[in-house]
Amino acid sequence: MKTKKATFGAGCFWHVEETFRKLRGVVNTAAGYMGGTIKNPTYEQVCTDKTGYAEVVQIEYDPDEITYESLLDIFWSIHDPTQLNRQGPDIGTQYRSVIFYHDDDQKNTAIKSKSEQEKKKKKRIVTEISKSTMFYKAEDYHQRYLEKRGMFSCKF
């Protein structure tokens, strides 16, 4: 099986990971950080709002089982992409809405999908679309956080 990667930031990574990890065709998920400037950031550093990192989930998926378009549809449905640098009570650039693309096909698909969402919502979508950079896996206690605690969501 040849897998691909998708990386999304949609607020707190706990609920993002929990949503995607359950999908048929998703092989693996990892909560982490992307888009910043320092090497090996810690959660505490990311929370200072000074590193440029976003909380993200990197998804390894089988494109024969689930498409990138389907992953994007779920991404749009689990957060409010019209909120700048926040989701609900979580405020800061680390909670921004962002799609990190891994190739030109993902970039073009994400741009098209964002445009469709703006038409559908009739609001400006603030989601960034950026080239993927180094992914730093978050600390172990963040991995599968909700599952470990028997929770399904932390949405407000």
Protein backbone atom coordinates (compact mmCIF):
# COMPACT_ATOMS: atom_id res chain seq x y z
CA MET A 1 0.00 0.00 0.00
CA LYS A 2 1.37 3.39 -1.00
CA THR A 3 0.26 6.07 1.44
CA LYS A 4 0.20 9.86 1.29
CA LYS A 5 0.33 12.59 3.92
CA ALA A 6 -2.08 15.40 4.69
CA THR A 7 -1.49 18.03 7.37
CA PHE A 8 -4.21 20.24 8.84
CA GLY A 9 -4.47 22.80 11.62
CA ALA A 10 -8.01 23.43 12.87
CA GLY A 11 -7.69 24.62 16.46
CA CYS A 12 -6.71 22.31 19.30
CA PHE A 13 -5.14 19.22 17.78
CA TRP A 14 -6.84 16.82 20.20
CA HIS A 15 -10.24 16.84 18.50
CA VAL A 16 -8.69 17.08 15.03
CA GLU A 17 -6.68 13.91 15.60
CA GLU A 18 -9.65 12.11 17.16
CA THR A 19 -11.84 12.91 14.15
CA PHE A 20 -9.37 11.83 11.47
CA ARG A 21 -7.93 8.74 13.18
CA LYS A 22 -11.32 7.00 13.07
CA LEU A 23 -11.76 7.29 9.31
CA ARG A 24 -11.55 4.31 7.01
CA GLY A 25 -8.45 4.75 4.87
CA VAL A 26 -6.51 6.68 7.52
CA VAL A 27 -3.48 4.60 8.43
CA ASN A 28 -1.94 6.81 11.12
CA THR A 29 -2.30 10.21 12.77
CA ALA A 30 0.07 12.29 14.84
CA ALA A 31 -0.50 15.54 16.71
CA GLY A 32 2.32 18.02 16.26
CA TYR A 33 3.59 21.40 15.18
CA MET A 34 4.33 22.91 11.78
CA GLY A 35 5.01 26.30 10.28
CA GLY A 36 7.35 27.80 12.84
CA THR A 37 10.90 28.98 13.15
CA ILE A 38 12.69 27.08 15.93
CA LYS A 39 13.87 23.48 15.98
CA ASN A 40 12.16 20.89 18.19
CA PRO A 41 9.55 23.19 19.73
CA THR A 42 7.80 22.22 22.94
CA TYR A 43 4.12 22.74 23.66
CA GLU A 44 5.03 25.46 26.14
CA GLN A 45 7.05 27.32 23.47
CA VAL A 46 4.28 26.99 20.88
CA CYS A 47 1.78 28.42 23.39
CA THR A 48 3.81 31.63 23.74
CA ASP A 49 2.54 32.70 20.30
CA LYS A 50 6.14 33.66 19.40
CA THR A 51 7.32 30.60 17.43
CA GLY A 52 5.02 30.75 14.40
CA TYR A 53 3.95 27.13 14.87
CA ALA A 54 0.41 25.86 14.47
CA GLU A 55 -1.03 22.87 16.27
CA VAL A 56 -1.57 20.37 13.44
CA VAL A 57 -2.41 16.78 12.79
CA GLN A 58 -0.37 14.90 10.22
CA ILE A 59 -2.44 12.19 8.59
CA GLU A 60 -1.07 9.19 6.74
CA TYR A 61 -3.77 7.86 4.44
CA ASP A 62 -4.38 5.34 1.70
CA PRO A 63 -5.61 7.29 -1.37
CA ASP A 64 -7.29 4.13 -2.67
CA GLU A 65 -9.52 4.15 0.44
CA ILE A 66 -10.07 7.88 1.06
CA THR A 67 -9.38 10.88 -1.15
CA TYR A 68 -7.66 14.13 -0.27
CA GLU A 69 -10.90 15.88 -1.25
CA SER A 70 -12.77 13.82 1.36
CA LEU A 71 -10.19 14.72 4.00
CA LEU A 72 -10.65 18.40 3.11
CA ASP A 73 -14.43 18.11 3.41
CA ILE A 74 -13.99 16.76 6.93
CA PHE A 75 -11.41 19.46 7.75
CA TRP A 76 -13.90 22.19 6.81
CA SER A 77 -16.67 20.55 8.84
CA ILE A 78 -14.83 20.27 12.17
CA HIS A 79 -13.93 23.91 12.75
CA ASP A 80 -14.88 27.47 11.88
CA PRO A 81 -12.50 28.57 9.11
CA THR A 82 -13.78 32.16 9.34
CA GLN A 83 -12.21 32.72 12.77
CA LEU A 84 -8.74 34.24 12.67
CA ASN A 85 -6.18 32.70 15.04
CA ARG A 86 -8.74 31.03 17.27
CA GLN A 87 -11.29 28.27 17.61
CA GLY A 88 -13.92 28.80 20.26
CA PRO A 89 -12.24 29.81 23.52
CA ASP A 90 -8.77 28.78 22.27
CA ILE A 91 -7.05 31.96 21.14
CA GLY A 92 -3.61 32.35 19.54
CA THR A 93 -1.83 31.81 16.27
CA GLN A 94 -1.14 28.17 17.19
CA TYR A 95 -4.91 27.57 16.81
CA ARG A 96 -5.12 29.04 13.32
CA SER A 97 -6.87 27.33 10.44
CA VAL A 98 -4.21 26.08 8.04
CA ILE A 99 -3.72 23.52 5.31
CA PHE A 100 -0.11 22.46 4.77
CA TYR A 101 0.15 20.90 1.33
CA HIS A 102 2.71 18.22 0.43
CA ASP A 103 2.62 18.51 -3.37
CA ASP A 104 1.18 20.68 -6.14
CA ASP A 105 -1.93 18.50 -6.49
CA GLN A 106 -2.77 19.07 -2.83
CA LYS A 107 -2.08 22.79 -3.19
CA ASN A 108 -4.42 23.15 -6.17
CA THR A 109 -7.10 21.00 -4.57
CA ALA A 110 -6.91 23.01 -1.33
CA ILE A 111 -7.18 26.35 -3.18
CA LYS A 112 -10.21 25.13 -5.12
CA SER A 113 -11.81 23.70 -1.98
CA LYS A 114 -11.28 26.96 -0.05
CA SER A 115 -12.91 28.93 -2.85
CA GLU A 116 -15.90 26.56 -2.82
CA GLN A 117 -16.21 26.98 0.95
CA GLU A 118 -16.25 30.77 0.66
CA LYS A 119 -19.09 30.57 -1.86
CA LYS A 120 -20.97 28.08 0.29
CA LYS A 121 -20.57 29.99 3.57
CA LYS A 122 -20.84 33.44 1.97
CA LYS A 123 -18.08 34.54 4.35
CA ARG A 124 -14.37 35.15 4.04
CA ILE A 125 -12.36 32.03 4.86
CA VAL A 126 -9.15 32.90 6.72
CA THR A 127 -7.57 29.45 6.35
CA GLU A 128 -3.94 29.65 5.27
CA ILE A 129 -2.71 27.35 2.52
CA SER A 130 1.04 26.87 2.91
CA LYS A 131 3.76 24.51 1.74
CA SER A 132 4.50 21.87 4.35
CA THR A 133 7.63 22.39 6.39
CA MET A 134 9.29 20.27 9.05
CA PHE A 135 6.73 18.42 11.17
CA TYR A 136 7.56 18.08 14.85
CA LYS A 137 5.56 15.45 16.67
CA ALA A 138 4.01 16.78 19.87
CA GLU A 139 4.79 15.34 23.27
CA ASP A 140 3.48 11.83 23.97
CA TYR A 141 0.73 13.02 26.30
CA HIS A 142 -0.87 14.88 23.35
CA GLN A 143 -1.03 11.79 21.13
CA ARG A 144 -4.54 10.26 20.99
CA TYR A 145 -5.35 12.49 23.94
CA LEU A 146 -9.15 12.17 23.82
CA GLU A 147 -9.09 8.43 23.14
CA LYS A 148 -6.87 7.82 26.19
CA ARG A 149 -9.39 9.67 28.35
CA GLY A 150 -12.50 8.01 26.92
CA MET A 151 -13.63 11.30 25.40
CA PHE A 152 -15.00 11.87 21.93
CA SER A 153 -14.74 15.62 21.54
CA CYS A 154 -13.55 18.79 23.15
CA LYS A 155 -15.65 21.02 20.86
CA PHE A 156 -17.41 23.90 22.54
